């Protein structure tokens, strides 16, 4: 029996940072950039850039609540990858409600 050297652990995920930020604000729309960055292990500047991208393309809008921001997502928009444009964001991130029509709850 040969002893194989231990494999270096690979660090990868199924979602990009953009997807992780988007999913985070689905669950926590009132979180600050700092809180999002801390939770995801990203730099605040990275999160701010991602939020800019998401806002620029219409996937996220911002509502002011006093001195804070609240993020609102557009789940009806199509997925961005060319092979997934037939699906909307809600197809991946939302679960149907009991009546099957209105998809308003973020998937847990």
PDB file of N, CA and C in Angstrom:
ATOM      1  N   UNK A   1       0.842  -1.159   0.000  1.00  0.00           N
ATOM      2  CA  UNK A   1       0.000   0.000   0.000  1.00  0.00           C
ATOM      3  C   UNK A   1       0.895   1.233   0.000  1.00  0.00           C
ATOM      4  N   UNK A   2       0.606   2.146  -0.911  1.00  0.00           N
ATOM      5  CA  UNK A   2       1.411   3.364  -0.983  1.00  0.00           C
ATOM      6  C   UNK A   2       0.701   4.487  -0.267  1.00  0.00           C
ATOM      7  N   UNK A   3       1.488   5.297   0.346  1.00  0.00           N
ATOM      8  CA  UNK A   3       0.937   6.482   0.994  1.00  0.00           C
ATOM      9  C   UNK A   3       0.954   7.625   0.000  1.00  0.00           C
ATOM     10  N   UNK A   4      -0.237   8.081  -0.381  1.00  0.00           N
ATOM     11  CA  UNK A   4      -0.334   9.219  -1.297  1.00  0.00           C
ATOM     12  C   UNK A   4      -0.169  10.496  -0.496  1.00  0.00           C
ATOM     13  N   UNK A   5       0.524  11.475  -1.078  1.00  0.00           N
ATOM     14  CA  UNK A   5       0.649  12.754  -0.368  1.00  0.00           C
ATOM     15  C   UNK A   5      -0.730  13.410  -0.240  1.00  0.00           C
ATOM     16  N   UNK A   6      -0.917  14.108   0.847  1.00  0.00           N
ATOM     17  CA  UNK A   6      -2.194  14.792   1.074  1.00  0.00           C
ATOM     18  C   UNK A   6      -2.428  15.821  -0.028  1.00  0.00           C
ATOM     19  N   UNK A   7      -3.642  15.809  -0.562  1.00  0.00           N
ATOM     20  CA  UNK A   7      -3.997  16.779  -1.594  1.00  0.00           C
ATOM     21  C   UNK A   7      -4.201  18.140  -0.979  1.00  0.00           C
ATOM     22  N   UNK A   8      -3.706  19.136  -1.682  1.00  0.00           N
ATOM     23  CA  UNK A   8      -3.962  20.503  -1.228  1.00  0.00           C
ATOM     24  C   UNK A   8      -5.463  20.762  -1.342  1.00  0.00           C
ATOM     25  N   UNK A   9      -6.012  21.351  -0.318  1.00  0.00           N
ATOM     26  CA  UNK A   9      -7.435  21.626  -0.319  1.00  0.00           C
ATOM     27  C   UNK A   9      -7.747  22.722  -1.328  1.00  0.00           C
ATOM     28  N   UNK A  10      -8.707  22.450  -2.204  1.00  0.00           N
ATOM     29  CA  UNK A  10      -9.111  23.429  -3.205  1.00  0.00           C
ATOM     30  C   UNK A  10     -10.228  24.289  -2.645  1.00  0.00           C
ATOM     31  N   UNK A  11     -10.134  25.565  -2.885  1.00  0.00           N
ATOM     32  CA  UNK A  11     -11.154  26.501  -2.414  1.00  0.00           C
ATOM     33  C   UNK A  11     -11.905  27.047  -3.612  1.00  0.00           C
ATOM     34  N   UNK A  12     -13.112  26.550  -3.817  1.00  0.00           N
ATOM     35  CA  UNK A  12     -13.961  27.072  -4.867  1.00  0.00           C
ATOM     36  C   UNK A  12     -15.405  26.967  -4.412  1.00  0.00           C
ATOM     37  N   UNK A  13     -16.259  27.733  -5.038  1.00  0.00           N
ATOM     38  CA  UNK A  13     -17.672  27.705  -4.701  1.00  0.00           C
ATOM     39  C   UNK A  13     -18.493  27.679  -5.987  1.00  0.00           C
ATOM     40  N   UNK A  14     -19.762  27.406  -5.845  1.00  0.00           N
ATOM     41  CA  UNK A  14     -20.653  27.391  -6.998  1.00  0.00           C
ATOM     42  C   UNK A  14     -21.080  28.792  -7.423  1.00  0.00           C
ATOM     43  N   UNK A  15     -20.907  29.772  -6.555  1.00  0.00           N
ATOM     44  CA  UNK A  15     -21.337  31.130  -6.866  1.00  0.00           C
ATOM     45  C   UNK A  15     -20.155  32.081  -6.902  1.00  0.00           C
ATOM     46  N   UNK A  16     -20.251  33.065  -7.780  1.00  0.00           N
ATOM     47  CA  UNK A  16     -19.259  34.132  -7.818  1.00  0.00           C
ATOM     48  C   UNK A  16     -19.527  35.073  -6.652  1.00  0.00           C
ATOM     49  N   UNK A  17     -18.632  36.011  -6.448  1.00  0.00           N
ATOM     50  CA  UNK A  17     -18.861  37.022  -5.413  1.00  0.00           C
ATOM     51  C   UNK A  17     -20.134  37.812  -5.697  1.00  0.00           C
ATOM     52  N   UNK A  18     -20.411  38.086  -6.972  1.00  0.00           N
ATOM     53  CA  UNK A  18     -21.642  38.796  -7.315  1.00  0.00           C
ATOM     54  C   UNK A  18     -22.859  37.995  -6.853  1.00  0.00           C
ATOM     55  N   UNK A  19     -22.855  36.714  -7.112  1.00  0.00           N
ATOM     56  CA  UNK A  19     -23.964  35.870  -6.688  1.00  0.00           C
ATOM     57  C   UNK A  19     -24.099  35.817  -5.182  1.00  0.00           C
ATOM     58  N   UNK A  20     -22.976  35.770  -4.485  1.00  0.00           N
ATOM     59  CA  UNK A  20     -23.019  35.714  -3.027  1.00  0.00           C
ATOM     60  C   UNK A  20     -23.573  37.008  -2.431  1.00  0.00           C
ATOM     61  N   UNK A  21     -23.155  38.150  -2.981  1.00  0.00           N
ATOM     62  CA  UNK A  21     -23.679  39.433  -2.495  1.00  0.00           C
ATOM     63  C   UNK A  21     -25.178  39.513  -2.787  1.00  0.00           C
ATOM     64  N   UNK A  22     -25.575  39.130  -3.991  1.00  0.00           N
ATOM     65  CA  UNK A  22     -26.989  39.155  -4.366  1.00  0.00           C
ATOM     66  C   UNK A  22     -27.798  38.276  -3.413  1.00  0.00           C
ATOM     67  N   UNK A  23     -27.346  37.066  -3.176  1.00  0.00           N
ATOM     68  CA  UNK A  23     -28.062  36.150  -2.288  1.00  0.00           C
ATOM     69  C   UNK A  23     -28.105  36.695  -0.863  1.00  0.00           C
ATOM     70  N   UNK A  24     -27.021  37.310  -0.426  1.00  0.00           N
ATOM     71  CA  UNK A  24     -26.988  37.889   0.920  1.00  0.00           C
ATOM     72  C   UNK A  24     -28.054  38.972   1.068  1.00  0.00           C
ATOM     73  N   UNK A  25     -28.152  39.863   0.075  1.00  0.00           N
ATOM     74  CA  UNK A  25     -29.134  40.942   0.232  1.00  0.00           C
ATOM     75  C   UNK A  25     -30.570  40.443   0.048  1.00  0.00           C
ATOM     76  N   UNK A  26     -30.751  39.305  -0.597  1.00  0.00           N
ATOM     77  CA  UNK A  26     -32.088  38.698  -0.609  1.00  0.00           C
ATOM     78  C   UNK A  26     -32.517  38.350   0.810  1.00  0.00           C
ATOM     79  N   UNK A  27     -31.582  37.859   1.577  1.00  0.00           N
ATOM     80  CA  UNK A  27     -31.885  37.425   2.944  1.00  0.00           C
ATOM     81  C   UNK A  27     -31.789  38.547   3.963  1.00  0.00           C
ATOM     82  N   UNK A  28     -30.942  39.536   3.687  1.00  0.00           N
ATOM     83  CA  UNK A  28     -30.684  40.622   4.644  1.00  0.00           C
ATOM     84  C   UNK A  28     -30.651  41.966   3.909  1.00  0.00           C
ATOM     85  N   UNK A  29     -31.810  42.450   3.439  1.00  0.00           N
ATOM     86  CA  UNK A  29     -31.823  43.657   2.610  1.00  0.00           C
ATOM     87  C   UNK A  29     -31.402  44.935   3.322  1.00  0.00           C
ATOM     88  N   UNK A  30     -31.393  44.937   4.634  1.00  0.00           N
ATOM     89  CA  UNK A  30     -31.019  46.132   5.371  1.00  0.00           C
ATOM     90  C   UNK A  30     -29.567  46.165   5.821  1.00  0.00           C
ATOM     91  N   UNK A  31     -28.801  45.152   5.486  1.00  0.00           N
ATOM     92  CA  UNK A  31     -27.401  45.109   5.923  1.00  0.00           C
ATOM     93  C   UNK A  31     -26.566  46.188   5.248  1.00  0.00           C
ATOM     94  N   UNK A  32     -25.595  46.670   5.982  1.00  0.00           N
ATOM     95  CA  UNK A  32     -24.663  47.654   5.441  1.00  0.00           C
ATOM     96  C   UNK A  32     -23.600  46.956   4.597  1.00  0.00           C
ATOM     97  N   UNK A  33     -22.886  47.742   3.825  1.00  0.00           N
ATOM     98  CA  UNK A  33     -21.785  47.195   3.034  1.00  0.00           C
ATOM     99  C   UNK A  33     -20.779  46.515   3.957  1.00  0.00           C
ATOM    100  N   UNK A  34     -20.495  47.126   5.082  1.00  0.00           N
ATOM    101  CA  UNK A  34     -19.540  46.544   6.028  1.00  0.00           C
ATOM    102  C   UNK A  34     -20.017  45.178   6.528  1.00  0.00           C
ATOM    103  N   UNK A  35     -21.290  45.099   6.886  1.00  0.00           N
ATOM    104  CA  UNK A  35     -21.826  43.831   7.393  1.00  0.00           C
ATOM    105  C   UNK A  35     -21.806  42.748   6.308  1.00  0.00           C
ATOM    106  N   UNK A  36     -22.166  43.128   5.082  1.00  0.00           N
ATOM    107  CA  UNK A  36     -22.122  42.175   3.967  1.00  0.00           C
ATOM    108  C   UNK A  36     -20.691  41.692   3.762  1.00  0.00           C
ATOM    109  N   UNK A  37     -19.758  42.627   3.741  1.00  0.00           N
ATOM    110  CA  UNK A  37     -18.343  42.286   3.527  1.00  0.00           C
ATOM    111  C   UNK A  37     -17.840  41.361   4.623  1.00  0.00           C
ATOM    112  N   UNK A  38     -18.146  41.666   5.862  1.00  0.00           N
ATOM    113  CA  UNK A  38     -17.697  40.830   6.976  1.00  0.00           C
ATOM    114  C   UNK A  38     -18.296  39.428   6.900  1.00  0.00           C
ATOM    115  N   UNK A  39     -19.562  39.348   6.586  1.00  0.00           N
ATOM    116  CA  UNK A  39     -20.229  38.043   6.520  1.00  0.00           C
ATOM    117  C   UNK A  39     -19.661  37.171   5.401  1.00  0.00           C
ATOM    118  N   UNK A  40     -19.347  37.799   4.260  1.00  0.00           N
ATOM    119  CA  UNK A  40     -18.875  37.041   3.108  1.00  0.00           C
ATOM    120  C   UNK A  40     -17.354  36.919   3.029  1.00  0.00           C
ATOM    121  N   UNK A  41     -16.651  37.628   3.905  1.00  0.00           N
ATOM    122  CA  UNK A  41     -15.188  37.581   3.869  1.00  0.00           C
ATOM    123  C   UNK A  41     -14.607  38.324   2.680  1.00  0.00           C
ATOM    124  N   UNK A  42     -15.263  39.411   2.305  1.00  0.00           N
ATOM    125  CA  UNK A  42     -14.807  40.241   1.189  1.00  0.00           C
ATOM    126  C   UNK A  42     -14.429  41.620   1.700  1.00  0.00           C
ATOM    127  N   UNK A  43     -13.664  42.342   0.900  1.00  0.00           N
ATOM    128  CA  UNK A  43     -13.340  43.726   1.233  1.00  0.00           C
ATOM    129  C   UNK A  43     -14.566  44.597   0.994  1.00  0.00           C
ATOM    130  N   UNK A  44     -14.727  45.633   1.799  1.00  0.00           N
ATOM    131  CA  UNK A  44     -15.858  46.544   1.627  1.00  0.00           C
ATOM    132  C   UNK A  44     -15.858  47.157   0.232  1.00  0.00           C
ATOM    133  N   UNK A  45     -14.692  47.463  -0.259  1.00  0.00           N
ATOM    134  CA  UNK A  45     -14.577  48.048  -1.601  1.00  0.00           C
ATOM    135  C   UNK A  45     -15.075  47.064  -2.666  1.00  0.00           C
ATOM    136  N   UNK A  46     -14.794  45.786  -2.475  1.00  0.00           N
ATOM    137  CA  UNK A  46     -15.276  44.764  -3.399  1.00  0.00           C
ATOM    138  C   UNK A  46     -16.800  44.709  -3.385  1.00  0.00           C
ATOM    139  N   UNK A  47     -17.390  44.704  -2.199  1.00  0.00           N
ATOM    140  CA  UNK A  47     -18.847  44.665  -2.074  1.00  0.00           C
ATOM    141  C   UNK A  47     -19.462  45.914  -2.690  1.00  0.00           C
ATOM    142  N   UNK A  48     -18.875  47.067  -2.442  1.00  0.00           N
ATOM    143  CA  UNK A  48     -19.396  48.310  -3.025  1.00  0.00           C
ATOM    144  C   UNK A  48     -19.369  48.233  -4.556  1.00  0.00           C
ATOM    145  N   UNK A  49     -18.304  47.696  -5.123  1.00  0.00           N
ATOM    146  CA  UNK A  49     -18.203  47.549  -6.575  1.00  0.00           C
ATOM    147  C   UNK A  49     -19.243  46.587  -7.120  1.00  0.00           C
ATOM    148  N   UNK A  50     -19.460  45.491  -6.402  1.00  0.00           N
ATOM    149  CA  UNK A  50     -20.461  44.511  -6.823  1.00  0.00           C
ATOM    150  C   UNK A  50     -21.859  45.121  -6.762  1.00  0.00           C
ATOM    151  N   UNK A  51     -22.156  45.846  -5.689  1.00  0.00           N
ATOM    152  CA  UNK A  51     -23.459  46.498  -5.580  1.00  0.00           C
ATOM    153  C   UNK A  51     -23.645  47.520  -6.701  1.00  0.00           C
ATOM    154  N   UNK A  52     -22.576  48.214  -7.060  1.00  0.00           N
ATOM    155  CA  UNK A  52     -22.638  49.148  -8.186  1.00  0.00           C
ATOM    156  C   UNK A  52     -23.013  48.399  -9.470  1.00  0.00           C
ATOM    157  N   UNK A  53     -22.353  47.274  -9.720  1.00  0.00           N
ATOM    158  CA  UNK A  53     -22.656  46.466 -10.911  1.00  0.00           C
ATOM    159  C   UNK A  53     -24.112  46.002 -10.907  1.00  0.00           C
ATOM    160  N   UNK A  54     -24.567  45.480  -9.774  1.00  0.00           N
ATOM    161  CA  UNK A  54     -25.932  44.978  -9.669  1.00  0.00           C
ATOM    162  C   UNK A  54     -26.960  46.091  -9.859  1.00  0.00           C
ATOM    163  N   UNK A  55     -26.657  47.264  -9.337  1.00  0.00           N
ATOM    164  CA  UNK A  55     -27.558  48.416  -9.505  1.00  0.00           C
ATOM    165  C   UNK A  55     -27.548  48.896 -10.947  1.00  0.00           C
ATOM    166  N   UNK A  56     -26.373  48.978 -11.542  1.00  0.00           N
ATOM    167  CA  UNK A  56     -26.237  49.477 -12.911  1.00  0.00           C
ATOM    168  C   UNK A  56     -27.025  48.621 -13.904  1.00  0.00           C
ATOM    169  N   UNK A  57     -27.054  47.312 -13.674  1.00  0.00           N
ATOM    170  CA  UNK A  57     -27.763  46.414 -14.584  1.00  0.00           C
ATOM    171  C   UNK A  57     -29.209  46.145 -14.158  1.00  0.00           C
ATOM    172  N   UNK A  58     -29.669  46.814 -13.101  1.00  0.00           N
ATOM    173  CA  UNK A  58     -31.072  46.744 -12.711  1.00  0.00           C
ATOM    174  C   UNK A  58     -31.462  45.602 -11.810  1.00  0.00           C
ATOM    175  N   UNK A  59     -30.508  44.797 -11.372  1.00  0.00           N
ATOM    176  CA  UNK A  59     -30.842  43.663 -10.515  1.00  0.00           C
ATOM    177  C   UNK A  59     -31.107  44.072  -9.076  1.00  0.00           C
ATOM    178  N   UNK A  60     -30.603  45.222  -8.685  1.00  0.00           N
ATOM    179  CA  UNK A  60     -30.768  45.728  -7.327  1.00  0.00           C
ATOM    180  C   UNK A  60     -31.036  47.228  -7.401  1.00  0.00           C
ATOM    181  N   UNK A  61     -31.945  47.698  -6.561  1.00  0.00           N
ATOM    182  CA  UNK A  61     -32.131  49.129  -6.391  1.00  0.00           C
ATOM    183  C   UNK A  61     -31.985  49.436  -4.907  1.00  0.00           C
ATOM    184  N   UNK A  62     -31.833  50.717  -4.598  1.00  0.00           N
ATOM    185  CA  UNK A  62     -31.604  51.119  -3.214  1.00  0.00           C
ATOM    186  C   UNK A  62     -32.712  52.072  -2.784  1.00  0.00           C
ATOM    187  N   UNK A  63     -33.267  51.793  -1.617  1.00  0.00           N
ATOM    188  CA  UNK A  63     -34.243  52.693  -1.003  1.00  0.00           C
ATOM    189  C   UNK A  63     -33.606  53.263   0.256  1.00  0.00           C
ATOM    190  N   UNK A  64     -33.713  54.551   0.420  1.00  0.00           N
ATOM    191  CA  UNK A  64     -33.196  55.185   1.634  1.00  0.00           C
ATOM    192  C   UNK A  64     -34.206  54.999   2.761  1.00  0.00           C
ATOM    193  N   UNK A  65     -33.713  54.585   3.913  1.00  0.00           N
ATOM    194  CA  UNK A  65     -34.513  54.492   5.133  1.00  0.00           C
ATOM    195  C   UNK A  65     -33.770  55.271   6.201  1.00  0.00           C
ATOM    196  N   UNK A  66     -34.104  56.535   6.315  1.00  0.00           N
ATOM    197  CA  UNK A  66     -33.356  57.398   7.221  1.00  0.00           C
ATOM    198  C   UNK A  66     -31.949  57.582   6.680  1.00  0.00           C
ATOM    199  N   UNK A  67     -30.976  57.245   7.491  1.00  0.00           N
ATOM    200  CA  UNK A  67     -29.582  57.369   7.068  1.00  0.00           C
ATOM    201  C   UNK A  67     -29.050  56.072   6.469  1.00  0.00           C
ATOM    202  N   UNK A  68     -29.864  55.061   6.413  1.00  0.00           N
ATOM    203  CA  UNK A  68     -29.412  53.745   5.932  1.00  0.00           C
ATOM    204  C   UNK A  68     -30.025  53.408   4.583  1.00  0.00           C
ATOM    205  N   UNK A  69     -29.420  52.450   3.929  1.00  0.00           N
ATOM    206  CA  UNK A  69     -29.938  51.932   2.667  1.00  0.00           C
ATOM    207  C   UNK A  69     -30.627  50.601   2.888  1.00  0.00           C
ATOM    208  N   UNK A  70     -31.642  50.363   2.094  1.00  0.00           N
ATOM    209  CA  UNK A  70     -32.293  49.055   2.053  1.00  0.00           C
ATOM    210  C   UNK A  70     -32.264  48.625   0.592  1.00  0.00           C
ATOM    211  N   UNK A  71     -31.765  47.431   0.352  1.00  0.00           N
ATOM    212  CA  UNK A  71     -31.602  46.940  -1.005  1.00  0.00           C
ATOM    213  C   UNK A  71     -32.841  46.155  -1.431  1.00  0.00           C
ATOM    214  N   UNK A  72     -33.271  46.389  -2.656  1.00  0.00           N
ATOM    215  CA  UNK A  72     -34.433  45.714  -3.224  1.00  0.00           C
ATOM    216  C   UNK A  72     -33.983  45.009  -4.491  1.00  0.00           C
ATOM    217  N   UNK A  73     -34.318  43.730  -4.613  1.00  0.00           N
ATOM    218  CA  UNK A  73     -33.881  42.951  -5.774  1.00  0.00           C
ATOM    219  C   UNK A  73     -35.003  42.844  -6.801  1.00  0.00           C
ATOM    220  N   UNK A  74     -34.610  42.614  -8.055  1.00  0.00           N
ATOM    221  CA  UNK A  74     -35.538  42.399  -9.166  1.00  0.00           C
ATOM    222  C   UNK A  74     -35.435  40.937  -9.581  1.00  0.00           C
ATOM    223  N   UNK A  75     -36.225  40.062  -8.988  1.00  0.00           N
ATOM    224  CA  UNK A  75     -36.112  38.634  -9.288  1.00  0.00           C
ATOM    225  C   UNK A  75     -36.668  38.237 -10.652  1.00  0.00           C
ATOM    226  N   UNK A  76     -37.368  39.158 -11.324  1.00  0.00           N
ATOM    227  CA  UNK A  76     -37.961  38.825 -12.613  1.00  0.00           C
ATOM    228  C   UNK A  76     -36.968  38.917 -13.769  1.00  0.00           C
ATOM    229  N   UNK A  77     -35.791  39.470 -13.529  1.00  0.00           N
ATOM    230  CA  UNK A  77     -34.802  39.624 -14.595  1.00  0.00           C
ATOM    231  C   UNK A  77     -34.137  38.289 -14.914  1.00  0.00           C
ATOM    232  N   UNK A  78     -33.636  38.146 -16.148  1.00  0.00           N
ATOM    233  CA  UNK A  78     -33.025  36.866 -16.543  1.00  0.00           C
ATOM    234  C   UNK A  78     -31.658  36.648 -15.899  1.00  0.00           C
ATOM    235  N   UNK A  79     -31.291  35.388 -15.782  1.00  0.00           N
ATOM    236  CA  UNK A  79     -29.936  35.048 -15.348  1.00  0.00           C
ATOM    237  C   UNK A  79     -28.970  35.602 -16.394  1.00  0.00           C
ATOM    238  N   UNK A  80     -27.756  35.906 -15.989  1.00  0.00           N
ATOM    239  CA  UNK A  80     -26.827  36.592 -16.879  1.00  0.00           C
ATOM    240  C   UNK A  80     -25.989  35.677 -17.763  1.00  0.00           C
ATOM    241  N   UNK A  81     -25.773  34.454 -17.369  1.00  0.00           N
ATOM    242  CA  UNK A  81     -24.944  33.573 -18.194  1.00  0.00           C
ATOM    243  C   UNK A  81     -25.710  33.201 -19.460  1.00  0.00           C
ATOM    244  N   UNK A  82     -25.031  33.220 -20.598  1.00  0.00           N
ATOM    245  CA  UNK A  82     -25.698  32.993 -21.878  1.00  0.00           C
ATOM    246  C   UNK A  82     -26.450  31.668 -21.952  1.00  0.00           C
ATOM    247  N   UNK A  83     -26.035  30.682 -21.206  1.00  0.00           N
ATOM    248  CA  UNK A  83     -26.721  29.387 -21.248  1.00  0.00           C
ATOM    249  C   UNK A  83     -27.920  29.320 -20.303  1.00  0.00           C
ATOM    250  N   UNK A  84     -28.132  30.374 -19.512  1.00  0.00           N
ATOM    251  CA  UNK A  84     -29.218  30.363 -18.526  1.00  0.00           C
ATOM    252  C   UNK A  84     -30.231  31.482 -18.721  1.00  0.00           C
ATOM    253  N   UNK A  85     -30.135  32.221 -19.822  1.00  0.00           N
ATOM    254  CA  UNK A  85     -31.011  33.386 -19.997  1.00  0.00           C
ATOM    255  C   UNK A  85     -32.490  33.025 -20.103  1.00  0.00           C
ATOM    256  N   UNK A  86     -32.807  31.764 -20.348  1.00  0.00           N
ATOM    257  CA  UNK A  86     -34.214  31.357 -20.390  1.00  0.00           C
ATOM    258  C   UNK A  86     -34.818  31.298 -18.988  1.00  0.00           C
ATOM    259  N   UNK A  87     -33.971  31.364 -17.964  1.00  0.00           N
ATOM    260  CA  UNK A  87     -34.422  31.331 -16.577  1.00  0.00           C
ATOM    261  C   UNK A  87     -34.335  32.723 -15.967  1.00  0.00           C
ATOM    262  N   UNK A  88     -35.253  33.019 -15.074  1.00  0.00           N
ATOM    263  CA  UNK A  88     -35.167  34.275 -14.335  1.00  0.00           C
ATOM    264  C   UNK A  88     -34.404  34.036 -13.036  1.00  0.00           C
ATOM    265  N   UNK A  89     -34.010  35.108 -12.407  1.00  0.00           N
ATOM    266  CA  UNK A  89     -33.323  35.020 -11.122  1.00  0.00           C
ATOM    267  C   UNK A  89     -34.192  34.285 -10.111  1.00  0.00           C
ATOM    268  N   UNK A  90     -35.489  34.547 -10.146  1.00  0.00           N
ATOM    269  CA  UNK A  90     -36.373  33.909  -9.168  1.00  0.00           C
ATOM    270  C   UNK A  90     -36.438  32.399  -9.337  1.00  0.00           C
ATOM    271  N   UNK A  91     -36.162  31.906 -10.530  1.00  0.00           N
ATOM    272  CA  UNK A  91     -36.141  30.459 -10.736  1.00  0.00           C
ATOM    273  C   UNK A  91     -35.057  29.794  -9.891  1.00  0.00           C
ATOM    274  N   UNK A  92     -34.007  30.525  -9.580  1.00  0.00           N
ATOM    275  CA  UNK A  92     -32.888  29.981  -8.816  1.00  0.00           C
ATOM    276  C   UNK A  92     -32.923  30.360  -7.344  1.00  0.00           C
ATOM    277  N   UNK A  93     -33.426  31.535  -7.020  1.00  0.00           N
ATOM    278  CA  UNK A  93     -33.303  32.058  -5.667  1.00  0.00           C
ATOM    279  C   UNK A  93     -34.595  32.115  -4.865  1.00  0.00           C
ATOM    280  N   UNK A  94     -35.729  31.846  -5.494  1.00  0.00           N
ATOM    281  CA  UNK A  94     -36.997  31.938  -4.789  1.00  0.00           C
ATOM    282  C   UNK A  94     -37.715  30.606  -4.851  1.00  0.00           C
ATOM    283  N   UNK A  95     -38.499  30.360  -3.828  1.00  0.00           N
ATOM    284  CA  UNK A  95     -39.318  29.155  -3.842  1.00  0.00           C
ATOM    285  C   UNK A  95     -40.767  29.579  -3.993  1.00  0.00           C
ATOM    286  N   UNK A  96     -41.555  28.775  -4.657  1.00  0.00           N
ATOM    287  CA  UNK A  96     -42.960  29.143  -4.852  1.00  0.00           C
ATOM    288  C   UNK A  96     -43.720  29.164  -3.533  1.00  0.00           C
ATOM    289  N   UNK A  97     -44.693  30.039  -3.454  1.00  0.00           N
ATOM    290  CA  UNK A  97     -45.580  30.076  -2.295  1.00  0.00           C
ATOM    291  C   UNK A  97     -46.628  28.980  -2.478  1.00  0.00           C
ATOM    292  N   UNK A  98     -47.422  28.672  -1.458  1.00  0.00           N
ATOM    293  CA  UNK A  98     -48.389  27.577  -1.566  1.00  0.00           C
ATOM    294  C   UNK A  98     -49.329  27.681  -2.770  1.00  0.00           C
ATOM    295  N   UNK A  99     -49.682  28.915  -3.188  1.00  0.00           N
ATOM    296  CA  UNK A  99     -50.592  29.028  -4.332  1.00  0.00           C
ATOM    297  C   UNK A  99     -49.876  28.838  -5.666  1.00  0.00           C
ATOM    298  N   UNK A 100     -48.526  28.797  -5.639  1.00  0.00           N
ATOM    299  CA  UNK A 100     -47.750  28.500  -6.830  1.00  0.00           C
ATOM    300  C   UNK A 100     -47.546  29.655  -7.780  1.00  0.00           C
ATOM    301  N   UNK A 101     -48.160  30.809  -7.510  1.00  0.00           N
ATOM    302  CA  UNK A 101     -48.052  31.931  -8.445  1.00  0.00           C
ATOM    303  C   UNK A 101     -47.016  32.957  -8.035  1.00  0.00           C
ATOM    304  N   UNK A 102     -47.091  33.414  -6.824  1.00  0.00           N
ATOM    305  CA  UNK A 102     -46.291  34.535  -6.375  1.00  0.00           C
ATOM    306  C   UNK A 102     -45.010  34.061  -5.691  1.00  0.00           C
ATOM    307  N   UNK A 103     -43.873  34.370  -6.270  1.00  0.00           N
ATOM    308  CA  UNK A 103     -42.603  33.949  -5.675  1.00  0.00           C
ATOM    309  C   UNK A 103     -41.990  35.141  -4.959  1.00  0.00           C
ATOM    310  N   UNK A 104     -42.272  35.209  -3.674  1.00  0.00           N
ATOM    311  CA  UNK A 104     -41.828  36.379  -2.930  1.00  0.00           C
ATOM    312  C   UNK A 104     -40.834  36.057  -1.826  1.00  0.00           C
ATOM    313  N   UNK A 105     -40.679  34.803  -1.485  1.00  0.00           N
ATOM    314  CA  UNK A 105     -39.783  34.438  -0.391  1.00  0.00           C
ATOM    315  C   UNK A 105     -38.452  33.969  -0.919  1.00  0.00           C
ATOM    316  N   UNK A 106     -37.384  34.488  -0.367  1.00  0.00           N
ATOM    317  CA  UNK A 106     -36.047  34.003  -0.755  1.00  0.00           C
ATOM    318  C   UNK A 106     -35.900  32.573  -0.283  1.00  0.00           C
ATOM    319  N   UNK A 107     -35.309  31.768  -1.114  1.00  0.00           N
ATOM    320  CA  UNK A 107     -35.074  30.372  -0.737  1.00  0.00           C
ATOM    321  C   UNK A 107     -34.085  30.302   0.408  1.00  0.00           C
ATOM    322  N   UNK A 108     -34.374  29.442   1.389  1.00  0.00           N
ATOM    323  CA  UNK A 108     -33.466  29.283   2.544  1.00  0.00           C
ATOM    324  C   UNK A 108     -32.424  28.243   2.266  1.00  0.00           C
TER     325      UNK A 108
END
